[in-house]
Protein backbone atom coordinates (compact mmCIF):
# COMPACT_ATOMS: atom_id res chain seq x y z
CA UNK A 1 0.00 0.00 0.00
CA UNK A 2 1.34 3.45 -0.90
CA UNK A 3 1.07 6.29 1.57
CA UNK A 4 -1.05 8.32 -0.89
CA UNK A 5 -3.77 5.64 -1.00
CA UNK A 6 -6.85 6.37 1.13
CA UNK A 7 -7.89 4.28 4.12
CA UNK A 8 -6.08 2.49 6.92
CA UNK A 9 -3.76 -0.43 6.62
CA UNK A 10 -4.66 -3.84 8.00
CA UNK A 11 -1.67 -5.84 9.20
CA UNK A 12 -1.50 -9.63 8.95
CA UNK A 13 0.66 -9.65 12.10
CA UNK A 14 0.67 -7.65 15.32
CA UNK A 15 2.34 -4.32 14.41
CA UNK A 16 3.17 -3.76 18.11
CA UNK A 17 4.95 -7.10 18.62
CA UNK A 18 8.66 -7.03 19.34
CA UNK A 19 10.86 -8.59 16.64
CA UNK A 20 11.82 -12.21 17.42
CA UNK A 21 15.46 -11.33 18.15
CA UNK A 22 14.39 -8.71 20.74
CA UNK A 23 11.87 -10.83 22.67
CA UNK A 24 12.64 -11.45 26.31
CA UNK A 25 13.13 -15.07 27.34
CA UNK A 26 10.87 -14.44 30.35
CA UNK A 27 8.17 -13.09 28.03
CA UNK A 28 8.54 -16.23 25.88
CA UNK A 29 8.06 -18.39 28.99
CA UNK A 30 5.01 -16.35 30.04
CA UNK A 31 3.57 -16.85 26.54
CA UNK A 32 3.60 -20.60 27.08
CA UNK A 33 1.21 -20.28 30.03
CA UNK A 34 -2.38 -20.31 28.79
CA UNK A 35 -4.33 -17.46 30.39
CA UNK A 36 -7.98 -16.48 30.57
CA UNK A 37 -8.67 -13.18 28.80
CA UNK A 38 -10.50 -10.64 30.98
CA UNK A 39 -11.76 -7.11 30.55
CA UNK A 40 -11.03 -4.71 33.41
CA UNK A 41 -13.19 -1.57 33.48
CA UNK A 42 -13.53 1.39 35.83
CA UNK A 43 -15.90 4.33 36.25
CA UNK A 44 -14.90 7.08 33.90
CA UNK A 45 -15.35 4.98 31.86
CA UNK A 46 -12.09 3.28 30.99
CA UNK A 47 -11.06 -0.28 30.27
CA UNK A 48 -8.20 -2.62 29.44
CA UNK A 49 -7.84 -6.22 28.24
CA UNK A 50 -5.86 -8.20 30.84
CA UNK A 51 -4.67 -11.81 30.67
CA UNK A 52 -2.13 -11.63 33.50
CA UNK A 53 -4.61 -12.09 36.35
CA UNK A 54 -5.19 -14.44 39.28
CA UNK A 55 -8.18 -14.99 41.53
CA UNK A 56 -7.24 -15.78 45.13
CA UNK A 57 -9.83 -17.50 47.30
CA UNK A 58 -10.11 -16.41 50.90
CA UNK A 59 -12.07 -14.14 53.16
CA UNK A 60 -12.19 -11.80 51.40
CA UNK A 61 -11.56 -13.12 47.89
CA UNK A 62 -9.07 -11.13 45.85
CA UNK A 63 -8.10 -10.46 42.28
CA UNK A 64 -4.50 -9.70 41.32
CA UNK A 65 -3.55 -8.39 37.92
CA UNK A 66 -0.63 -6.96 36.00
CA UNK A 67 -1.69 -3.82 34.17
CA UNK A 68 -0.10 -0.98 32.23
CA UNK A 69 0.37 1.89 34.68
CA UNK A 70 0.18 4.37 31.78
CA UNK A 71 -3.27 3.10 30.73
CA UNK A 72 -6.48 5.11 30.95
CA UNK A 73 -7.83 2.19 32.96
CA UNK A 74 -5.26 2.65 35.75
CA UNK A 75 -5.94 6.39 35.90
CA UNK A 76 -9.71 5.78 36.22
CA UNK A 77 -9.41 2.85 38.67
CA UNK A 78 -6.99 4.68 40.95
CA UNK A 79 -9.25 7.74 40.96
CA UNK A 80 -12.45 5.72 41.64
CA UNK A 81 -10.89 3.16 43.99
CA UNK A 82 -12.87 0.38 42.33
CA UNK A 83 -13.07 -1.63 39.11
CA UNK A 84 -14.86 -4.54 37.44
CA UNK A 85 -13.29 -7.71 36.02
CA UNK A 86 -15.24 -9.58 33.32
CA UNK A 87 -14.33 -13.02 31.97
CA UNK A 88 -14.45 -12.88 28.15
CA UNK A 89 -15.64 -15.67 25.85
CA UNK A 90 -14.58 -16.67 22.31
CA UNK A 91 -17.39 -14.43 21.00
CA UNK A 92 -15.56 -11.45 22.57
CA UNK A 93 -12.39 -11.55 20.44
CA UNK A 94 -13.04 -8.16 18.82
CA UNK A 95 -13.94 -6.66 22.19
CA UNK A 96 -10.66 -7.97 23.63
CA UNK A 97 -8.67 -6.54 20.72
CA UNK A 98 -10.48 -3.20 20.93
CA UNK A 99 -9.59 -2.75 24.62
CA UNK A 100 -6.03 -3.95 23.95
CA UNK A 101 -5.60 -1.20 21.36
CA UNK A 102 -5.31 -3.70 18.48
CA UNK A 103 -8.71 -3.04 16.86
CA UNK A 104 -10.17 0.32 15.82
CA UNK A 105 -12.60 1.94 18.26
CA UNK A 106 -14.37 4.74 16.34
CA UNK A 107 -16.25 6.89 18.84
CA UNK A 108 -14.37 5.38 21.81
CA UNK A 109 -13.98 2.02 23.50
CA UNK A 110 -17.55 1.91 24.83
CA UNK A 111 -19.28 3.26 21.69
CA UNK A 112 -20.36 -0.16 20.42
CA UNK A 113 -22.09 -3.02 22.17
CA UNK A 114 -24.51 -2.97 25.08
CA UNK A 115 -23.13 -2.06 28.50
CA UNK A 116 -24.53 -2.47 31.99
CA UNK A 117 -23.53 0.47 34.16
CA UNK A 118 -22.35 -0.69 37.60
CA UNK A 119 -20.74 1.08 40.57
CA UNK A 120 -17.48 -0.63 39.56
CA UNK A 121 -17.48 0.39 35.90
CA UNK A 122 -19.32 -0.65 32.74
CA UNK A 123 -19.75 -4.39 32.18
CA UNK A 124 -20.74 -5.93 28.82
CA UNK A 125 -24.51 -6.57 29.06
CA UNK A 126 -24.02 -10.15 27.83
CA UNK A 127 -21.36 -10.94 30.45
CA UNK A 128 -22.06 -14.16 32.32
CA UNK A 129 -19.29 -13.79 34.88
CA UNK A 130 -17.88 -10.61 36.38
CA UNK A 131 -16.62 -9.28 39.72
CA UNK A 132 -16.85 -5.84 41.28
CA UNK A 133 -13.64 -5.05 43.16
CA UNK A 134 -12.36 -2.43 45.59
CA UNK A 135 -8.78 -1.35 44.88
CA UNK A 136 -6.71 -2.42 47.89
CA UNK A 137 -3.16 -1.84 46.73
CA UNK A 138 -0.69 -1.55 43.89
CA UNK A 139 3.04 -1.63 43.33
CA UNK A 140 5.48 -1.72 40.45
CA UNK A 141 6.09 -5.32 39.46
CA UNK A 142 8.37 -6.18 36.56
CA UNK A 143 7.12 -4.52 33.37
CA UNK A 144 3.78 -3.57 34.92
CA UNK A 145 1.84 -2.47 37.94
CA UNK A 146 0.50 -5.22 40.23
CA UNK A 147 -3.05 -4.38 41.22
CA UNK A 148 -4.65 -5.97 44.29
CA UNK A 149 -8.42 -5.83 44.51
CA UNK A 150 -10.88 -7.10 47.11
CA UNK A 151 -13.88 -8.80 45.48
CA UNK A 152 -16.97 -7.08 46.88
CA UNK A 153 -19.63 -8.49 44.54
CA UNK A 154 -19.76 -11.03 41.75
CA UNK A 155 -22.03 -12.57 39.18
CA UNK A 156 -21.30 -16.13 38.12
CA UNK A 157 -23.84 -16.89 35.44
CA UNK A 158 -23.85 -19.94 33.27
CA UNK A 159 -20.29 -21.09 32.81
CA UNK A 160 -19.36 -20.41 29.22
CA UNK A 161 -16.08 -21.29 27.61
CA UNK A 162 -13.46 -18.63 28.39
CA UNK A 163 -11.37 -16.90 25.75
CA UNK A 164 -7.76 -18.04 26.19
CA UNK A 165 -4.54 -16.22 25.29
CA UNK A 166 -1.69 -18.58 24.40
CA UNK A 167 1.57 -17.76 22.61
CA UNK A 168 0.35 -14.41 21.38
CA UNK A 169 -2.98 -15.66 19.97
CA UNK A 170 -6.53 -16.23 21.11
CA UNK A 171 -7.79 -19.76 21.36
CA UNK A 172 -10.47 -21.61 23.24
CA UNK A 173 -10.78 -24.80 25.23
CA UNK A 174 -11.50 -27.89 23.14
C-alpha atoms as a PDB file:
ATOM      1  CA  UNK A   1       0.000   0.000   0.000  1.00  0.00           C
ATOM      2  CA  UNK A   2       1.345   3.445  -0.895  1.00  0.00           C
ATOM      3  CA  UNK A   3       1.067   6.295   1.574  1.00  0.00           C
ATOM      4  CA  UNK A   4      -1.047   8.316  -0.895  1.00  0.00           C
ATOM      5  CA  UNK A   5      -3.774   5.638  -0.999  1.00  0.00           C
ATOM      6  CA  UNK A   6      -6.854   6.372   1.128  1.00  0.00           C
ATOM      7  CA  UNK A   7      -7.886   4.276   4.123  1.00  0.00           C
ATOM      8  CA  UNK A   8      -6.084   2.490   6.922  1.00  0.00           C
ATOM      9  CA  UNK A   9      -3.763  -0.431   6.618  1.00  0.00           C
ATOM     10  CA  UNK A  10      -4.658  -3.836   7.999  1.00  0.00           C
ATOM     11  CA  UNK A  11      -1.669  -5.844   9.203  1.00  0.00           C
ATOM     12  CA  UNK A  12      -1.505  -9.625   8.953  1.00  0.00           C
ATOM     13  CA  UNK A  13       0.665  -9.647  12.097  1.00  0.00           C
ATOM     14  CA  UNK A  14       0.670  -7.654  15.315  1.00  0.00           C
ATOM     15  CA  UNK A  15       2.338  -4.325  14.413  1.00  0.00           C
ATOM     16  CA  UNK A  16       3.173  -3.762  18.112  1.00  0.00           C
ATOM     17  CA  UNK A  17       4.947  -7.101  18.624  1.00  0.00           C
ATOM     18  CA  UNK A  18       8.657  -7.028  19.343  1.00  0.00           C
ATOM     19  CA  UNK A  19      10.862  -8.588  16.641  1.00  0.00           C
ATOM     20  CA  UNK A  20      11.824 -12.212  17.420  1.00  0.00           C
ATOM     21  CA  UNK A  21      15.458 -11.333  18.153  1.00  0.00           C
ATOM     22  CA  UNK A  22      14.394  -8.710  20.744  1.00  0.00           C
ATOM     23  CA  UNK A  23      11.866 -10.828  22.673  1.00  0.00           C
ATOM     24  CA  UNK A  24      12.639 -11.445  26.315  1.00  0.00           C
ATOM     25  CA  UNK A  25      13.131 -15.069  27.338  1.00  0.00           C
ATOM     26  CA  UNK A  26      10.868 -14.437  30.347  1.00  0.00           C
ATOM     27  CA  UNK A  27       8.170 -13.091  28.034  1.00  0.00           C
ATOM     28  CA  UNK A  28       8.540 -16.226  25.882  1.00  0.00           C
ATOM     29  CA  UNK A  29       8.057 -18.394  28.989  1.00  0.00           C
ATOM     30  CA  UNK A  30       5.007 -16.352  30.037  1.00  0.00           C
ATOM     31  CA  UNK A  31       3.568 -16.852  26.542  1.00  0.00           C
ATOM     32  CA  UNK A  32       3.600 -20.604  27.080  1.00  0.00           C
ATOM     33  CA  UNK A  33       1.209 -20.281  30.035  1.00  0.00           C
ATOM     34  CA  UNK A  34      -2.377 -20.315  28.786  1.00  0.00           C
ATOM     35  CA  UNK A  35      -4.329 -17.460  30.387  1.00  0.00           C
ATOM     36  CA  UNK A  36      -7.980 -16.482  30.574  1.00  0.00           C
ATOM     37  CA  UNK A  37      -8.672 -13.175  28.804  1.00  0.00           C
ATOM     38  CA  UNK A  38     -10.499 -10.643  30.980  1.00  0.00           C
ATOM     39  CA  UNK A  39     -11.759  -7.109  30.550  1.00  0.00           C
ATOM     40  CA  UNK A  40     -11.031  -4.706  33.410  1.00  0.00           C
ATOM     41  CA  UNK A  41     -13.191  -1.569  33.481  1.00  0.00           C
ATOM     42  CA  UNK A  42     -13.534   1.387  35.833  1.00  0.00           C
ATOM     43  CA  UNK A  43     -15.898   4.327  36.248  1.00  0.00           C
ATOM     44  CA  UNK A  44     -14.905   7.083  33.896  1.00  0.00           C
ATOM     45  CA  UNK A  45     -15.354   4.979  31.855  1.00  0.00           C
ATOM     46  CA  UNK A  46     -12.085   3.284  30.986  1.00  0.00           C
ATOM     47  CA  UNK A  47     -11.056  -0.283  30.272  1.00  0.00           C
ATOM     48  CA  UNK A  48      -8.195  -2.619  29.437  1.00  0.00           C
ATOM     49  CA  UNK A  49      -7.841  -6.220  28.240  1.00  0.00           C
ATOM     50  CA  UNK A  50      -5.861  -8.201  30.842  1.00  0.00           C
ATOM     51  CA  UNK A  51      -4.671 -11.811  30.671  1.00  0.00           C
ATOM     52  CA  UNK A  52      -2.134 -11.626  33.497  1.00  0.00           C
ATOM     53  CA  UNK A  53      -4.609 -12.089  36.354  1.00  0.00           C
ATOM     54  CA  UNK A  54      -5.185 -14.445  39.278  1.00  0.00           C
ATOM     55  CA  UNK A  55      -8.184 -14.987  41.535  1.00  0.00           C
ATOM     56  CA  UNK A  56      -7.235 -15.783  45.133  1.00  0.00           C
ATOM     57  CA  UNK A  57      -9.834 -17.501  47.301  1.00  0.00           C
ATOM     58  CA  UNK A  58     -10.113 -16.407  50.899  1.00  0.00           C
ATOM     59  CA  UNK A  59     -12.073 -14.144  53.161  1.00  0.00           C
ATOM     60  CA  UNK A  60     -12.192 -11.803  51.402  1.00  0.00           C
ATOM     61  CA  UNK A  61     -11.560 -13.118  47.887  1.00  0.00           C
ATOM     62  CA  UNK A  62      -9.072 -11.128  45.848  1.00  0.00           C
ATOM     63  CA  UNK A  63      -8.104 -10.459  42.275  1.00  0.00           C
ATOM     64  CA  UNK A  64      -4.497  -9.704  41.322  1.00  0.00           C
ATOM     65  CA  UNK A  65      -3.549  -8.388  37.921  1.00  0.00           C
ATOM     66  CA  UNK A  66      -0.627  -6.956  36.004  1.00  0.00           C
ATOM     67  CA  UNK A  67      -1.693  -3.816  34.166  1.00  0.00           C
ATOM     68  CA  UNK A  68      -0.099  -0.979  32.230  1.00  0.00           C
ATOM     69  CA  UNK A  69       0.369   1.886  34.678  1.00  0.00           C
ATOM     70  CA  UNK A  70       0.176   4.366  31.784  1.00  0.00           C
ATOM     71  CA  UNK A  71      -3.266   3.100  30.733  1.00  0.00           C
ATOM     72  CA  UNK A  72      -6.475   5.112  30.948  1.00  0.00           C
ATOM     73  CA  UNK A  73      -7.834   2.186  32.964  1.00  0.00           C
ATOM     74  CA  UNK A  74      -5.260   2.652  35.746  1.00  0.00           C
ATOM     75  CA  UNK A  75      -5.940   6.392  35.901  1.00  0.00           C
ATOM     76  CA  UNK A  76      -9.711   5.783  36.221  1.00  0.00           C
ATOM     77  CA  UNK A  77      -9.414   2.845  38.671  1.00  0.00           C
ATOM     78  CA  UNK A  78      -6.995   4.679  40.953  1.00  0.00           C
ATOM     79  CA  UNK A  79      -9.255   7.736  40.963  1.00  0.00           C
ATOM     80  CA  UNK A  80     -12.448   5.718  41.639  1.00  0.00           C
ATOM     81  CA  UNK A  81     -10.885   3.162  43.988  1.00  0.00           C
ATOM     82  CA  UNK A  82     -12.870   0.384  42.331  1.00  0.00           C
ATOM     83  CA  UNK A  83     -13.073  -1.625  39.113  1.00  0.00           C
ATOM     84  CA  UNK A  84     -14.863  -4.544  37.435  1.00  0.00           C
ATOM     85  CA  UNK A  85     -13.291  -7.705  36.022  1.00  0.00           C
ATOM     86  CA  UNK A  86     -15.238  -9.576  33.319  1.00  0.00           C
ATOM     87  CA  UNK A  87     -14.331 -13.019  31.971  1.00  0.00           C
ATOM     88  CA  UNK A  88     -14.447 -12.883  28.153  1.00  0.00           C
ATOM     89  CA  UNK A  89     -15.641 -15.673  25.849  1.00  0.00           C
ATOM     90  CA  UNK A  90     -14.576 -16.670  22.310  1.00  0.00           C
ATOM     91  CA  UNK A  91     -17.386 -14.433  20.996  1.00  0.00           C
ATOM     92  CA  UNK A  92     -15.562 -11.449  22.568  1.00  0.00           C
ATOM     93  CA  UNK A  93     -12.387 -11.549  20.443  1.00  0.00           C
ATOM     94  CA  UNK A  94     -13.037  -8.157  18.817  1.00  0.00           C
ATOM     95  CA  UNK A  95     -13.944  -6.660  22.193  1.00  0.00           C
ATOM     96  CA  UNK A  96     -10.656  -7.972  23.633  1.00  0.00           C
ATOM     97  CA  UNK A  97      -8.674  -6.543  20.716  1.00  0.00           C
ATOM     98  CA  UNK A  98     -10.476  -3.199  20.932  1.00  0.00           C
ATOM     99  CA  UNK A  99      -9.591  -2.753  24.616  1.00  0.00           C
ATOM    100  CA  UNK A 100      -6.030  -3.954  23.954  1.00  0.00           C
ATOM    101  CA  UNK A 101      -5.604  -1.199  21.357  1.00  0.00           C
ATOM    102  CA  UNK A 102      -5.313  -3.696  18.483  1.00  0.00           C
ATOM    103  CA  UNK A 103      -8.707  -3.042  16.864  1.00  0.00           C
ATOM    104  CA  UNK A 104     -10.168   0.321  15.825  1.00  0.00           C
ATOM    105  CA  UNK A 105     -12.601   1.945  18.263  1.00  0.00           C
ATOM    106  CA  UNK A 106     -14.366   4.745  16.340  1.00  0.00           C
ATOM    107  CA  UNK A 107     -16.246   6.893  18.838  1.00  0.00           C
ATOM    108  CA  UNK A 108     -14.374   5.381  21.810  1.00  0.00           C
ATOM    109  CA  UNK A 109     -13.977   2.024  23.497  1.00  0.00           C
ATOM    110  CA  UNK A 110     -17.546   1.914  24.831  1.00  0.00           C
ATOM    111  CA  UNK A 111     -19.282   3.264  21.687  1.00  0.00           C
ATOM    112  CA  UNK A 112     -20.360  -0.159  20.417  1.00  0.00           C
ATOM    113  CA  UNK A 113     -22.092  -3.022  22.174  1.00  0.00           C
ATOM    114  CA  UNK A 114     -24.510  -2.967  25.082  1.00  0.00           C
ATOM    115  CA  UNK A 115     -23.130  -2.061  28.497  1.00  0.00           C
ATOM    116  CA  UNK A 116     -24.531  -2.474  31.991  1.00  0.00           C
ATOM    117  CA  UNK A 117     -23.527   0.473  34.158  1.00  0.00           C
ATOM    118  CA  UNK A 118     -22.347  -0.692  37.602  1.00  0.00           C
ATOM    119  CA  UNK A 119     -20.740   1.078  40.568  1.00  0.00           C
ATOM    120  CA  UNK A 120     -17.485  -0.635  39.558  1.00  0.00           C
ATOM    121  CA  UNK A 121     -17.478   0.392  35.899  1.00  0.00           C
ATOM    122  CA  UNK A 122     -19.320  -0.649  32.740  1.00  0.00           C
ATOM    123  CA  UNK A 123     -19.747  -4.392  32.175  1.00  0.00           C
ATOM    124  CA  UNK A 124     -20.743  -5.934  28.819  1.00  0.00           C
ATOM    125  CA  UNK A 125     -24.509  -6.567  29.063  1.00  0.00           C
ATOM    126  CA  UNK A 126     -24.024 -10.151  27.831  1.00  0.00           C
ATOM    127  CA  UNK A 127     -21.356 -10.941  30.450  1.00  0.00           C
ATOM    128  CA  UNK A 128     -22.057 -14.158  32.317  1.00  0.00           C
ATOM    129  CA  UNK A 129     -19.285 -13.785  34.882  1.00  0.00           C
ATOM    130  CA  UNK A 130     -17.875 -10.610  36.385  1.00  0.00           C
ATOM    131  CA  UNK A 131     -16.621  -9.278  39.725  1.00  0.00           C
ATOM    132  CA  UNK A 132     -16.847  -5.837  41.285  1.00  0.00           C
ATOM    133  CA  UNK A 133     -13.636  -5.046  43.162  1.00  0.00           C
ATOM    134  CA  UNK A 134     -12.357  -2.427  45.586  1.00  0.00           C
ATOM    135  CA  UNK A 135      -8.784  -1.353  44.877  1.00  0.00           C
ATOM    136  CA  UNK A 136      -6.709  -2.422  47.891  1.00  0.00           C
ATOM    137  CA  UNK A 137      -3.164  -1.841  46.732  1.00  0.00           C
ATOM    138  CA  UNK A 138      -0.690  -1.548  43.887  1.00  0.00           C
ATOM    139  CA  UNK A 139       3.037  -1.628  43.330  1.00  0.00           C
ATOM    140  CA  UNK A 140       5.483  -1.718  40.446  1.00  0.00           C
ATOM    141  CA  UNK A 141       6.087  -5.320  39.462  1.00  0.00           C
ATOM    142  CA  UNK A 142       8.372  -6.180  36.556  1.00  0.00           C
ATOM    143  CA  UNK A 143       7.117  -4.517  33.369  1.00  0.00           C
ATOM    144  CA  UNK A 144       3.784  -3.570  34.917  1.00  0.00           C
ATOM    145  CA  UNK A 145       1.836  -2.471  37.945  1.00  0.00           C
ATOM    146  CA  UNK A 146       0.504  -5.217  40.226  1.00  0.00           C
ATOM    147  CA  UNK A 147      -3.053  -4.380  41.221  1.00  0.00           C
ATOM    148  CA  UNK A 148      -4.646  -5.968  44.292  1.00  0.00           C
ATOM    149  CA  UNK A 149      -8.422  -5.828  44.510  1.00  0.00           C
ATOM    150  CA  UNK A 150     -10.884  -7.099  47.107  1.00  0.00           C
ATOM    151  CA  UNK A 151     -13.881  -8.804  45.478  1.00  0.00           C
ATOM    152  CA  UNK A 152     -16.971  -7.084  46.880  1.00  0.00           C
ATOM    153  CA  UNK A 153     -19.630  -8.491  44.542  1.00  0.00           C
ATOM    154  CA  UNK A 154     -19.759 -11.025  41.753  1.00  0.00           C
ATOM    155  CA  UNK A 155     -22.027 -12.572  39.179  1.00  0.00           C
ATOM    156  CA  UNK A 156     -21.301 -16.125  38.124  1.00  0.00           C
ATOM    157  CA  UNK A 157     -23.844 -16.889  35.438  1.00  0.00           C
ATOM    158  CA  UNK A 158     -23.850 -19.938  33.269  1.00  0.00           C
ATOM    159  CA  UNK A 159     -20.290 -21.087  32.815  1.00  0.00           C
ATOM    160  CA  UNK A 160     -19.364 -20.415  29.218  1.00  0.00           C
ATOM    161  CA  UNK A 161     -16.080 -21.292  27.611  1.00  0.00           C
ATOM    162  CA  UNK A 162     -13.461 -18.625  28.386  1.00  0.00           C
ATOM    163  CA  UNK A 163     -11.370 -16.904  25.754  1.00  0.00           C
ATOM    164  CA  UNK A 164      -7.760 -18.043  26.194  1.00  0.00           C
ATOM    165  CA  UNK A 165      -4.536 -16.220  25.291  1.00  0.00           C
ATOM    166  CA  UNK A 166      -1.694 -18.576  24.396  1.00  0.00           C
ATOM    167  CA  UNK A 167       1.575 -17.764  22.612  1.00  0.00           C
ATOM    168  CA  UNK A 168       0.345 -14.411  21.385  1.00  0.00           C
ATOM    169  CA  UNK A 169      -2.980 -15.657  19.974  1.00  0.00           C
ATOM    170  CA  UNK A 170      -6.531 -16.225  21.110  1.00  0.00           C
ATOM    171  CA  UNK A 171      -7.787 -19.762  21.357  1.00  0.00           C
ATOM    172  CA  UNK A 172     -10.474 -21.608  23.243  1.00  0.00           C
ATOM    173  CA  UNK A 173     -10.778 -24.796  25.234  1.00  0.00           C
ATOM    174  CA  UNK A 174     -11.498 -27.888  23.143  1.00  0.00           C
END
